[in-house]
Protein backbone atom coordinates (compact mmCIF):
# COMPACT_ATOMS: atom_id res chain seq x y z
CA MET A 1 23.68 15.68 -5.84
CA ALA A 2 26.27 13.07 -6.66
CA TRP A 3 25.43 10.16 -4.41
CA VAL A 4 21.69 9.70 -4.61
CA LEU A 5 20.73 6.06 -4.90
CA PRO A 6 20.16 5.46 -8.62
CA GLY A 7 16.72 4.43 -9.71
CA TRP A 8 15.10 5.08 -6.34
CA GLY A 9 12.51 7.31 -7.96
CA ARG A 10 13.14 10.59 -6.18
CA ASN A 11 15.90 13.04 -6.91
CA LEU A 12 16.64 16.73 -6.83
CA ASN A 13 14.25 17.31 -9.70
CA SER A 14 11.49 16.49 -7.26
CA LYS A 15 8.57 18.89 -7.43
CA ASN A 16 8.30 18.38 -3.66
CA ALA A 17 11.23 20.70 -2.93
CA SER A 18 10.54 24.28 -1.86
CA LEU A 19 14.24 25.11 -1.58
CA PRO A 20 15.97 26.25 -4.78
CA GLN A 21 17.27 23.20 -6.68
CA GLU A 22 20.46 24.98 -7.77
CA ILE A 23 21.42 25.73 -4.17
CA LEU A 24 20.63 22.17 -3.08
CA GLU A 25 22.81 20.77 -5.86
CA THR A 26 25.81 23.05 -5.34
CA THR A 27 25.85 22.84 -1.56
CA SER A 28 25.40 19.06 -1.46
CA CYS A 29 28.16 18.50 -4.01
CA LEU A 30 30.53 20.89 -2.22
CA ALA A 31 29.81 19.23 1.13
CA GLU A 32 30.47 15.80 -0.40
CA GLU A 33 33.78 17.01 -1.80
CA LEU A 34 34.89 18.60 1.48
CA VAL A 35 33.86 15.62 3.63
CA GLY A 36 35.35 13.16 1.13
CA ASP A 37 38.68 15.00 1.14
CA TYR A 38 38.77 15.37 4.92
CA PHE A 39 38.11 11.69 5.62
CA GLY A 40 39.92 10.35 2.54
CA LEU A 41 36.83 8.59 1.21
CA GLY A 42 37.13 6.28 -1.75
CA VAL A 43 34.56 4.87 -4.15
CA ARG A 44 33.89 1.94 -1.85
CA ASP A 45 33.16 4.29 1.05
CA TRP A 46 30.71 6.28 -1.05
CA ARG A 47 28.73 3.13 -1.82
CA GLY A 48 27.99 2.95 1.91
CA LEU A 49 27.11 6.64 2.05
CA GLN A 50 24.37 6.74 -0.51
CA TYR A 51 21.53 8.96 0.55
CA GLN A 52 18.28 10.35 -0.71
CA LEU A 53 16.76 13.73 0.03
CA PHE A 54 13.25 13.92 1.45
CA PHE A 55 11.20 17.05 1.79
CA GLU A 56 8.34 18.10 4.05
CA LYS A 57 5.70 17.12 1.54
CA GLU A 58 7.01 13.55 1.88
CA LEU A 59 7.78 13.30 5.61
CA THR A 60 7.18 15.34 8.74
CA LEU A 61 9.18 15.71 11.92
CA THR A 62 7.81 16.37 15.36
CA GLU A 63 11.01 18.03 16.61
CA GLU A 64 12.09 21.52 15.58
CA ALA A 65 15.12 20.27 13.68
CA LEU A 66 16.47 21.66 10.42
CA ALA A 67 17.42 18.18 9.19
CA ALA A 68 17.27 14.55 10.25
CA LEU A 69 18.72 11.24 9.09
CA PHE A 70 16.75 8.06 8.59
CA LEU A 71 17.99 4.61 7.62
CA PHE A 72 16.18 2.75 4.85
CA GLU A 73 16.59 -0.56 3.07
CA THR A 74 16.07 -1.05 -0.65
CA GLU A 75 13.55 -3.59 -1.85
CA ALA A 76 14.85 -6.75 -3.49
CA LEU A 77 13.59 -10.29 -3.87
CA LEU A 78 16.82 -11.75 -2.54
CA PRO A 79 17.90 -10.54 0.92
CA CYS A 80 21.54 -10.48 -0.20
CA ARG A 81 20.63 -7.87 -2.85
CA ARG A 82 19.11 -5.44 -0.34
CA ARG A 83 21.14 -2.40 0.55
CA TRP A 84 20.92 0.22 3.26
CA PHE A 85 20.87 3.89 2.45
CA TYR A 86 20.24 7.10 4.36
CA GLY A 87 17.27 9.36 3.99
CA LEU A 88 18.21 12.97 4.62
CA PHE A 89 15.12 14.93 5.59
CA LEU A 90 15.27 18.71 5.13
CA ALA A 91 12.75 20.63 7.22
CA GLU A 92 12.14 23.27 4.58
CA ARG A 93 9.52 25.13 6.58
CA GLU A 94 11.99 25.59 9.46
CA ILE A 95 14.83 26.53 7.08
CA LEU A 96 12.74 28.98 5.06
CA ALA A 97 11.27 30.49 8.26
CA LEU A 98 14.76 31.75 9.07
CA ASP A 99 14.24 34.19 6.15
CA LEU A 100 17.87 34.12 5.02
CA LYS A 101 19.28 35.94 2.01
CA ARG A 102 20.77 33.73 -0.72
CA PRO A 103 24.41 33.69 0.52
CA SER A 104 23.29 32.80 4.05
CA LEU A 105 20.86 30.14 2.79
CA GLU A 106 23.73 28.59 0.83
CA ALA A 107 25.94 28.70 3.94
CA LEU A 108 23.23 27.10 6.09
CA LEU A 109 22.60 24.29 3.59
CA LEU A 110 26.35 23.71 3.20
CA TYR A 111 26.60 23.35 6.97
CA ILE A 112 23.58 21.01 7.12
CA PHE A 113 24.86 18.76 4.32
CA THR A 114 28.35 18.69 5.84
CA HIS A 115 26.95 17.92 9.29
CA GLU A 116 24.79 15.04 8.07
CA LEU A 117 27.55 13.60 5.88
CA VAL A 118 29.91 13.60 8.88
CA HIS A 119 27.29 11.61 10.80
CA MET A 120 27.09 9.13 7.91
CA VAL A 121 30.88 8.71 7.80
CA ARG A 122 31.01 8.17 11.55
CA PHE A 123 28.28 5.52 11.27
CA LEU A 124 29.97 3.88 8.28
CA ARG A 125 33.30 3.64 10.10
CA PHE A 126 31.69 2.54 13.39
CA TRP A 127 32.97 5.60 15.26
CA ALA A 128 29.37 6.16 16.34
CA SER A 129 26.18 4.15 16.22
CA PHE A 130 23.06 5.14 14.35
CA TRP A 131 21.18 3.31 17.12
CA MET A 132 22.89 5.05 20.05
CA PRO A 133 20.78 5.75 23.13
CA TYR A 134 19.06 9.10 23.24
CA GLU A 135 21.16 10.34 26.18
CA LYS A 136 24.39 9.97 24.11
CA ARG A 137 23.14 11.87 21.09
CA PHE A 138 24.00 15.38 22.25
CA ALA A 139 27.64 14.36 22.75
CA GLU A 140 27.61 12.95 19.21
CA GLU A 141 26.09 16.20 17.90
CA ARG A 142 28.84 18.22 19.60
CA GLU A 143 31.56 16.01 18.10
CA VAL A 144 30.03 16.25 14.63
CA HIS A 145 29.81 20.04 14.98
CA ARG A 146 33.50 20.16 15.99
CA LEU A 147 34.41 18.18 12.88
CA CYS A 148 32.21 20.40 10.69
CA ARG A 149 34.10 23.43 11.95
CA LYS A 150 37.40 21.82 10.90
CA ILE A 151 36.09 20.72 7.52
CA LEU A 152 34.45 24.05 6.67
CA ARG A 153 37.52 26.03 7.74
CA LYS A 154 38.72 25.75 4.10
CA ILE A 155 35.94 28.10 3.03
CA SER A 156 36.30 31.64 4.19
CA LYS A 157 32.92 33.28 3.80
CA LYS A 158 31.42 35.67 6.30
CA GLU A 159 27.97 34.06 6.00
CA LEU A 160 29.35 30.60 6.71
CA GLU A 161 31.24 31.81 9.78
CA GLU A 162 28.04 33.41 11.08
CA ILE A 163 26.13 30.13 10.61
CA ILE A 164 28.88 28.19 12.39
CA GLN A 165 28.80 30.69 15.28
CA GLN A 166 25.04 30.14 15.61
CA PHE A 167 25.64 26.40 15.93
CA ASP A 168 28.53 27.05 18.36
CA ARG A 169 25.96 28.56 20.73
CA ILE A 170 23.68 25.54 20.36
CA TYR A 171 26.45 22.99 20.98
CA ALA A 172 28.34 24.95 23.67
């Protein structure tokens, strides 16, 4: 993964991951490239989009989500040296319970990474608020899904189209 906060202490080599590291690396990097190209992100933008992966052994969710975003602040003695970064939680148990073959698992993770990166870009550019009221979140999810469809259109894989169709039903 290209944009993990350096020196934070956790990375994709984490023994906490149940998902295959190779798939996590390739899908996260591809999603970053696709989202970066779509939104025309530069180096400065990516500094605001740093994120860290968390796995179920580190955090737990009460909802039946496949992924969730959290906002964290780095530790520093001087407040001006603190920086915000996103924590991307992958609900591995939920993902692995879907019992997908490798190409479909890759497609699902590509969709998840793309979806969460689109959220981050929208927050970074103030098109949406991380702190939006609960009742506005489904509309945000629908908009992010619409953008994911456009971004992932560049990749023509049957498994990816099937994953997108599953999310079409959720966000319809």
